[in-house]
Amino acid sequence: MAAEYVMAGGNYQVILCERGVRTFSDHSRNTLDLSVIPPAKQLSHLPILVDPSHGTGKRNKVTPLSRAAVAVGADGLMVEVHTQPDQALSDGPQSLFPDQFDDLMKQVRQIAVVVGRSVPEIGVRETVAAK
């Protein structure tokens, strides 16, 4: 109900975001709980994003969990991308390279079609060029 409280105060620009929960597991920074997406969508009218970059802290887990997030109904993804993640001031180990992000977007678009959704045609190269 925290989101409803914010909206009751007049701010209607609210989204929900799954970024993982702390666990005793050591295979990732957090455990990304994608099982919360379907019930959250049933209980809320708000868009739900998933942040697999923060939710795992590991680059090699971002793409598979992004695909899964789309399959379970997430409305969007927050994915960190960096041209030189090893030199990033923060979060380098969880940042995708631009080519990895482009591949991710191709895969996400394919999955979206299977579950009756679509993803706009914009990749990291277009985003960077637009700025």
N, C-alpha and C. Protein backbone atom coordinates (compact mmCIF):
# COMPACT_ATOMS: atom_id res chain seq x y z
N MET A 1 0.81 -1.20 0.00
CA MET A 1 0.00 0.00 0.00
C MET A 1 0.85 1.27 0.00
N ALA A 2 2.17 1.13 0.05
CA ALA A 2 3.04 2.30 0.04
C ALA A 2 2.82 3.12 -1.24
N ALA A 3 2.67 2.44 -2.37
CA ALA A 3 2.46 3.15 -3.63
C ALA A 3 1.14 3.92 -3.60
N GLU A 4 0.10 3.32 -3.04
CA GLU A 4 -1.19 4.00 -2.93
C GLU A 4 -1.08 5.23 -2.03
N TYR A 5 -0.28 5.14 -1.00
CA TYR A 5 -0.05 6.27 -0.09
C TYR A 5 0.61 7.43 -0.85
N VAL A 6 1.59 7.11 -1.68
CA VAL A 6 2.26 8.14 -2.49
C VAL A 6 1.26 8.79 -3.44
N MET A 7 0.44 7.97 -4.09
CA MET A 7 -0.55 8.51 -5.03
C MET A 7 -1.61 9.32 -4.31
N ALA A 8 -1.99 8.93 -3.10
CA ALA A 8 -2.96 9.70 -2.33
C ALA A 8 -2.43 11.09 -2.02
N GLY A 9 -1.11 11.23 -2.01
CA GLY A 9 -0.49 12.54 -1.79
C GLY A 9 -0.39 13.36 -3.06
N GLY A 10 -0.86 12.83 -4.18
CA GLY A 10 -0.90 13.60 -5.42
C GLY A 10 0.11 13.20 -6.48
N ASN A 11 1.01 12.28 -6.19
CA ASN A 11 1.99 11.84 -7.19
C ASN A 11 1.47 10.56 -7.84
N TYR A 12 1.08 10.67 -9.09
CA TYR A 12 0.53 9.51 -9.80
C TYR A 12 1.55 8.86 -10.73
N GLN A 13 2.78 9.35 -10.70
CA GLN A 13 3.83 8.77 -11.53
C GLN A 13 4.58 7.72 -10.71
N VAL A 14 3.92 6.58 -10.51
CA VAL A 14 4.45 5.53 -9.64
C VAL A 14 4.54 4.23 -10.42
N ILE A 15 5.64 3.53 -10.22
CA ILE A 15 5.80 2.19 -10.76
C ILE A 15 6.28 1.29 -9.63
N LEU A 16 6.08 0.02 -9.78
CA LEU A 16 6.62 -0.96 -8.83
C LEU A 16 7.82 -1.62 -9.50
N CYS A 17 8.81 -2.00 -8.71
CA CYS A 17 10.01 -2.60 -9.29
C CYS A 17 10.53 -3.72 -8.40
N GLU A 18 10.72 -4.88 -9.00
CA GLU A 18 11.35 -6.01 -8.31
C GLU A 18 12.85 -5.91 -8.56
N ARG A 19 13.63 -5.77 -7.48
CA ARG A 19 15.09 -5.64 -7.59
C ARG A 19 15.81 -6.72 -6.80
N GLY A 20 15.09 -7.70 -6.33
CA GLY A 20 15.72 -8.78 -5.59
C GLY A 20 15.61 -8.60 -4.09
N VAL A 21 15.76 -9.70 -3.40
CA VAL A 21 15.72 -9.69 -1.94
C VAL A 21 17.01 -10.31 -1.41
N ARG A 22 17.43 -9.84 -0.26
CA ARG A 22 18.64 -10.39 0.38
C ARG A 22 18.35 -11.79 0.88
N THR A 23 19.25 -12.70 0.57
CA THR A 23 19.14 -14.06 1.08
C THR A 23 20.52 -14.52 1.52
N PHE A 24 20.59 -15.72 2.01
CA PHE A 24 21.87 -16.29 2.41
C PHE A 24 22.61 -16.92 1.24
N SER A 25 21.98 -16.92 0.09
CA SER A 25 22.59 -17.51 -1.09
C SER A 25 23.83 -16.71 -1.50
N ASP A 26 24.83 -17.38 -2.00
CA ASP A 26 26.04 -16.67 -2.43
C ASP A 26 26.25 -16.73 -3.95
N HIS A 27 25.26 -17.24 -4.69
CA HIS A 27 25.42 -17.31 -6.15
C HIS A 27 25.12 -15.98 -6.84
N SER A 28 24.53 -15.04 -6.12
CA SER A 28 24.28 -13.71 -6.66
C SER A 28 24.15 -12.73 -5.49
N ARG A 29 24.18 -11.45 -5.81
CA ARG A 29 24.07 -10.44 -4.75
C ARG A 29 22.72 -10.54 -4.04
N ASN A 30 21.65 -10.60 -4.81
CA ASN A 30 20.30 -10.75 -4.28
C ASN A 30 19.64 -11.93 -5.00
N THR A 31 18.48 -12.31 -4.54
CA THR A 31 17.69 -13.31 -5.23
C THR A 31 16.53 -12.58 -5.89
N LEU A 32 16.49 -12.59 -7.21
CA LEU A 32 15.44 -11.92 -7.95
C LEU A 32 14.19 -12.78 -7.90
N ASP A 33 13.15 -12.28 -7.27
CA ASP A 33 11.94 -13.07 -7.04
C ASP A 33 10.89 -12.78 -8.11
N LEU A 34 10.98 -13.48 -9.22
CA LEU A 34 10.03 -13.27 -10.31
C LEU A 34 8.65 -13.83 -10.02
N SER A 35 8.55 -14.65 -8.98
CA SER A 35 7.24 -15.22 -8.63
C SER A 35 6.29 -14.16 -8.10
N VAL A 36 6.78 -12.98 -7.76
CA VAL A 36 5.90 -11.92 -7.26
C VAL A 36 5.21 -11.16 -8.38
N ILE A 37 5.68 -11.30 -9.61
CA ILE A 37 5.13 -10.50 -10.71
C ILE A 37 3.66 -10.84 -11.00
N PRO A 38 3.29 -12.10 -11.24
CA PRO A 38 1.88 -12.37 -11.53
C PRO A 38 0.91 -11.92 -10.43
N PRO A 39 1.16 -12.24 -9.15
CA PRO A 39 0.20 -11.76 -8.15
C PRO A 39 0.20 -10.24 -8.00
N ALA A 40 1.35 -9.61 -8.17
CA ALA A 40 1.39 -8.14 -8.08
C ALA A 40 0.56 -7.52 -9.20
N LYS A 41 0.60 -8.12 -10.38
CA LYS A 41 -0.20 -7.60 -11.49
C LYS A 41 -1.70 -7.80 -11.24
N GLN A 42 -2.04 -8.85 -10.51
CA GLN A 42 -3.45 -9.06 -10.18
C GLN A 42 -3.93 -8.09 -9.11
N LEU A 43 -3.06 -7.72 -8.20
CA LEU A 43 -3.43 -6.87 -7.08
C LEU A 43 -3.29 -5.37 -7.35
N SER A 44 -2.53 -5.02 -8.36
CA SER A 44 -2.23 -3.61 -8.59
C SER A 44 -2.50 -3.20 -10.02
N HIS A 45 -2.84 -1.95 -10.18
CA HIS A 45 -3.03 -1.38 -11.52
C HIS A 45 -1.75 -0.72 -12.03
N LEU A 46 -0.71 -0.71 -11.22
CA LEU A 46 0.53 -0.02 -11.56
C LEU A 46 1.43 -0.88 -12.44
N PRO A 47 2.25 -0.24 -13.28
CA PRO A 47 3.22 -1.00 -14.06
C PRO A 47 4.28 -1.61 -13.15
N ILE A 48 4.78 -2.77 -13.55
CA ILE A 48 5.78 -3.47 -12.74
C ILE A 48 7.02 -3.70 -13.59
N LEU A 49 8.13 -3.15 -13.11
CA LEU A 49 9.42 -3.34 -13.77
C LEU A 49 10.23 -4.38 -13.01
N VAL A 50 11.21 -4.95 -13.70
CA VAL A 50 12.15 -5.88 -13.08
C VAL A 50 13.55 -5.36 -13.37
N ASP A 51 14.40 -5.37 -12.36
CA ASP A 51 15.78 -4.92 -12.49
C ASP A 51 16.71 -6.11 -12.27
N PRO A 52 16.97 -6.89 -13.34
CA PRO A 52 17.83 -8.05 -13.17
C PRO A 52 19.30 -7.69 -12.96
N SER A 53 19.70 -6.48 -13.35
CA SER A 53 21.08 -6.05 -13.12
C SER A 53 21.34 -5.94 -11.62
N HIS A 54 20.52 -5.17 -10.93
CA HIS A 54 20.68 -5.01 -9.49
C HIS A 54 20.26 -6.28 -8.75
N GLY A 55 19.24 -6.92 -9.27
CA GLY A 55 18.69 -8.09 -8.60
C GLY A 55 19.65 -9.27 -8.50
N THR A 56 20.66 -9.30 -9.36
CA THR A 56 21.62 -10.40 -9.32
C THR A 56 23.04 -9.91 -9.09
N GLY A 57 23.36 -8.73 -9.63
CA GLY A 57 24.71 -8.21 -9.51
C GLY A 57 25.72 -8.90 -10.41
N LYS A 58 25.23 -9.74 -11.33
CA LYS A 58 26.14 -10.51 -12.19
C LYS A 58 25.67 -10.45 -13.64
N ARG A 59 26.58 -10.03 -14.49
CA ARG A 59 26.29 -9.84 -15.91
C ARG A 59 25.71 -11.10 -16.55
N ASN A 60 26.24 -12.26 -16.23
CA ASN A 60 25.80 -13.49 -16.91
C ASN A 60 24.39 -13.93 -16.51
N LYS A 61 23.82 -13.31 -15.50
CA LYS A 61 22.46 -13.65 -15.09
C LYS A 61 21.41 -12.67 -15.62
N VAL A 62 21.85 -11.52 -16.13
CA VAL A 62 20.91 -10.48 -16.56
C VAL A 62 20.03 -10.94 -17.73
N THR A 63 20.62 -11.51 -18.76
CA THR A 63 19.84 -11.91 -19.93
C THR A 63 18.83 -13.01 -19.61
N PRO A 64 19.22 -14.11 -18.97
CA PRO A 64 18.21 -15.15 -18.71
C PRO A 64 17.08 -14.66 -17.80
N LEU A 65 17.40 -13.84 -16.81
CA LEU A 65 16.35 -13.36 -15.92
C LEU A 65 15.49 -12.29 -16.57
N SER A 66 16.05 -11.55 -17.50
CA SER A 66 15.24 -10.60 -18.28
C SER A 66 14.22 -11.34 -19.13
N ARG A 67 14.68 -12.41 -19.76
CA ARG A 67 13.75 -13.22 -20.56
C ARG A 67 12.63 -13.77 -19.69
N ALA A 68 12.99 -14.27 -18.54
CA ALA A 68 11.99 -14.83 -17.63
C ALA A 68 11.03 -13.75 -17.15
N ALA A 69 11.54 -12.56 -16.89
CA ALA A 69 10.69 -11.47 -16.41
C ALA A 69 9.62 -11.12 -17.44
N VAL A 70 10.00 -11.08 -18.69
CA VAL A 70 9.03 -10.80 -19.75
C VAL A 70 8.00 -11.93 -19.82
N ALA A 71 8.47 -13.15 -19.71
CA ALA A 71 7.57 -14.31 -19.79
C ALA A 71 6.54 -14.32 -18.67
N VAL A 72 6.89 -13.84 -17.47
CA VAL A 72 5.93 -13.85 -16.36
C VAL A 72 5.07 -12.60 -16.31
N GLY A 73 5.31 -11.64 -17.24
CA GLY A 73 4.41 -10.50 -17.34
C GLY A 73 4.94 -9.15 -16.91
N ALA A 74 6.23 -9.01 -16.68
CA ALA A 74 6.78 -7.70 -16.32
C ALA A 74 6.46 -6.68 -17.42
N ASP A 75 6.20 -5.46 -17.01
CA ASP A 75 5.88 -4.40 -17.97
C ASP A 75 7.13 -3.72 -18.52
N GLY A 76 8.26 -3.94 -17.89
CA GLY A 76 9.49 -3.33 -18.36
C GLY A 76 10.69 -3.87 -17.62
N LEU A 77 11.86 -3.54 -18.13
CA LEU A 77 13.12 -3.98 -17.53
C LEU A 77 14.01 -2.77 -17.29
N MET A 78 14.80 -2.82 -16.24
CA MET A 78 15.87 -1.85 -16.02
C MET A 78 17.17 -2.63 -16.13
N VAL A 79 17.93 -2.35 -17.17
CA VAL A 79 19.15 -3.10 -17.43
C VAL A 79 20.31 -2.11 -17.56
N GLU A 80 21.35 -2.35 -16.83
CA GLU A 80 22.52 -1.48 -16.91
C GLU A 80 23.41 -1.90 -18.07
N VAL A 81 23.88 -0.89 -18.82
CA VAL A 81 24.73 -1.11 -19.99
C VAL A 81 25.90 -0.15 -19.89
N HIS A 82 27.08 -0.63 -20.23
CA HIS A 82 28.27 0.21 -20.18
C HIS A 82 29.23 -0.25 -21.27
N THR A 83 29.88 0.69 -21.94
CA THR A 83 30.83 0.33 -22.99
C THR A 83 32.11 -0.26 -22.42
N GLN A 84 32.45 0.10 -21.18
CA GLN A 84 33.64 -0.43 -20.52
C GLN A 84 33.30 -0.75 -19.06
N PRO A 85 32.55 -1.81 -18.82
CA PRO A 85 32.10 -2.10 -17.46
C PRO A 85 33.23 -2.27 -16.45
N ASP A 86 34.38 -2.74 -16.91
CA ASP A 86 35.50 -2.91 -15.97
C ASP A 86 36.02 -1.58 -15.45
N GLN A 87 35.70 -0.50 -16.14
CA GLN A 87 36.13 0.83 -15.71
C GLN A 87 34.98 1.66 -15.15
N ALA A 88 33.80 1.06 -15.01
CA ALA A 88 32.64 1.79 -14.49
C ALA A 88 32.88 2.19 -13.04
N LEU A 89 32.38 3.37 -12.67
CA LEU A 89 32.54 3.84 -11.30
C LEU A 89 31.74 2.99 -10.32
N SER A 90 30.66 2.40 -10.80
CA SER A 90 29.89 1.48 -9.95
C SER A 90 29.17 0.49 -10.85
N ASP A 91 28.85 -0.64 -10.29
CA ASP A 91 28.00 -1.65 -10.92
C ASP A 91 28.54 -2.23 -12.22
N GLY A 92 29.84 -2.17 -12.45
CA GLY A 92 30.42 -2.75 -13.65
C GLY A 92 30.15 -4.23 -13.81
N PRO A 93 30.29 -5.03 -12.75
CA PRO A 93 30.08 -6.48 -12.90
C PRO A 93 28.67 -6.88 -13.33
N GLN A 94 27.70 -6.00 -13.16
CA GLN A 94 26.33 -6.32 -13.54
C GLN A 94 25.92 -5.64 -14.84
N SER A 95 26.78 -4.85 -15.43
CA SER A 95 26.45 -4.11 -16.64
C SER A 95 26.73 -4.94 -17.89
N LEU A 96 25.76 -4.91 -18.81
CA LEU A 96 25.95 -5.57 -20.09
C LEU A 96 26.77 -4.68 -21.01
N PHE A 97 27.48 -5.30 -21.92
CA PHE A 97 28.12 -4.58 -23.01
C PHE A 97 27.03 -4.21 -24.01
N PRO A 98 27.20 -3.16 -24.80
CA PRO A 98 26.15 -2.77 -25.76
C PRO A 98 25.71 -3.91 -26.68
N ASP A 99 26.63 -4.72 -27.17
CA ASP A 99 26.24 -5.84 -28.04
C ASP A 99 25.39 -6.87 -27.29
N GLN A 100 25.71 -7.10 -26.03
CA GLN A 100 24.90 -8.02 -25.22
C GLN A 100 23.49 -7.46 -25.03
N PHE A 101 23.40 -6.15 -24.85
CA PHE A 101 22.08 -5.53 -24.68
C PHE A 101 21.26 -5.67 -25.97
N ASP A 102 21.90 -5.43 -27.11
CA ASP A 102 21.18 -5.59 -28.39
C ASP A 102 20.67 -7.02 -28.55
N ASP A 103 21.50 -8.00 -28.20
CA ASP A 103 21.07 -9.41 -28.26
C ASP A 103 19.92 -9.66 -27.29
N LEU A 104 20.02 -9.11 -26.10
CA LEU A 104 18.95 -9.25 -25.11
C LEU A 104 17.64 -8.72 -25.66
N MET A 105 17.68 -7.55 -26.27
CA MET A 105 16.45 -6.96 -26.79
C MET A 105 15.83 -7.82 -27.89
N LYS A 106 16.65 -8.42 -28.73
CA LYS A 106 16.13 -9.32 -29.76
C LYS A 106 15.41 -10.51 -29.12
N GLN A 107 16.02 -11.07 -28.09
CA GLN A 107 15.42 -12.21 -27.42
C GLN A 107 14.14 -11.83 -26.69
N VAL A 108 14.16 -10.69 -26.04
CA VAL A 108 12.98 -10.22 -25.29
C VAL A 108 11.81 -9.97 -26.24
N ARG A 109 12.11 -9.43 -27.41
CA ARG A 109 11.04 -9.20 -28.39
C ARG A 109 10.40 -10.52 -28.83
N GLN A 110 11.22 -11.54 -29.02
CA GLN A 110 10.69 -12.84 -29.42
C GLN A 110 9.80 -13.43 -28.33
N ILE A 111 10.23 -13.33 -27.09
CA ILE A 111 9.44 -13.86 -25.98
C ILE A 111 8.15 -13.07 -25.82
N ALA A 112 8.23 -11.76 -25.98
CA ALA A 112 7.04 -10.92 -25.83
C ALA A 112 5.95 -11.35 -26.81
N VAL A 113 6.32 -11.66 -28.04
CA VAL A 113 5.35 -12.10 -29.04
C VAL A 113 4.66 -13.37 -28.60
N VAL A 114 5.42 -14.30 -28.04
CA VAL A 114 4.86 -15.58 -27.61
C VAL A 114 3.81 -15.39 -26.52
N VAL A 115 4.01 -14.40 -25.65
CA VAL A 115 3.06 -14.17 -24.55
C VAL A 115 2.07 -13.05 -24.88
N GLY A 116 1.97 -12.70 -26.17
CA GLY A 116 0.95 -11.75 -26.61
C GLY A 116 1.27 -10.30 -26.30
N ARG A 117 2.54 -9.95 -26.27
CA ARG A 117 2.93 -8.57 -26.00
C ARG A 117 3.90 -8.10 -27.06
N SER A 118 4.34 -6.86 -26.95
CA SER A 118 5.33 -6.36 -27.90
C SER A 118 6.32 -5.45 -27.17
N VAL A 119 7.47 -5.25 -27.79
CA VAL A 119 8.51 -4.38 -27.25
C VAL A 119 8.90 -3.40 -28.34
N PRO A 120 8.96 -2.10 -28.04
CA PRO A 120 9.33 -1.12 -29.06
C PRO A 120 10.71 -1.40 -29.64
N GLU A 121 10.90 -1.04 -30.88
CA GLU A 121 12.18 -1.23 -31.57
C GLU A 121 13.13 -0.09 -31.25
N ILE A 122 13.83 -0.20 -30.14
CA ILE A 122 14.88 0.75 -29.82
C ILE A 122 15.96 0.00 -29.04
N GLY A 123 17.17 0.13 -29.49
CA GLY A 123 18.29 -0.54 -28.84
C GLY A 123 19.23 0.48 -28.23
N VAL A 124 20.27 0.02 -27.61
CA VAL A 124 21.21 0.91 -26.94
C VAL A 124 21.87 1.85 -27.93
N ARG A 125 22.13 1.40 -29.13
CA ARG A 125 22.80 2.26 -30.11
C ARG A 125 21.92 3.45 -30.48
N GLU A 126 20.62 3.20 -30.66
CA GLU A 126 19.70 4.29 -30.97
C GLU A 126 19.54 5.24 -29.78
N THR A 127 19.53 4.67 -28.57
CA THR A 127 19.38 5.48 -27.37
C THR A 127 20.58 6.41 -27.21
N VAL A 128 21.79 5.86 -27.38
CA VAL A 128 23.00 6.68 -27.24
C VAL A 128 23.05 7.73 -28.34
N ALA A 129 22.68 7.35 -29.56
CA ALA A 129 22.74 8.29 -30.69
C ALA A 129 21.74 9.43 -30.50
N ALA A 130 20.63 9.17 -29.82
CA ALA A 130 19.60 10.18 -29.63
C ALA A 130 20.00 11.26 -28.64
N LYS A 131 20.99 10.98 -27.82
CA LYS A 131 21.36 11.95 -26.78
C LYS A 131 22.30 13.00 -27.29
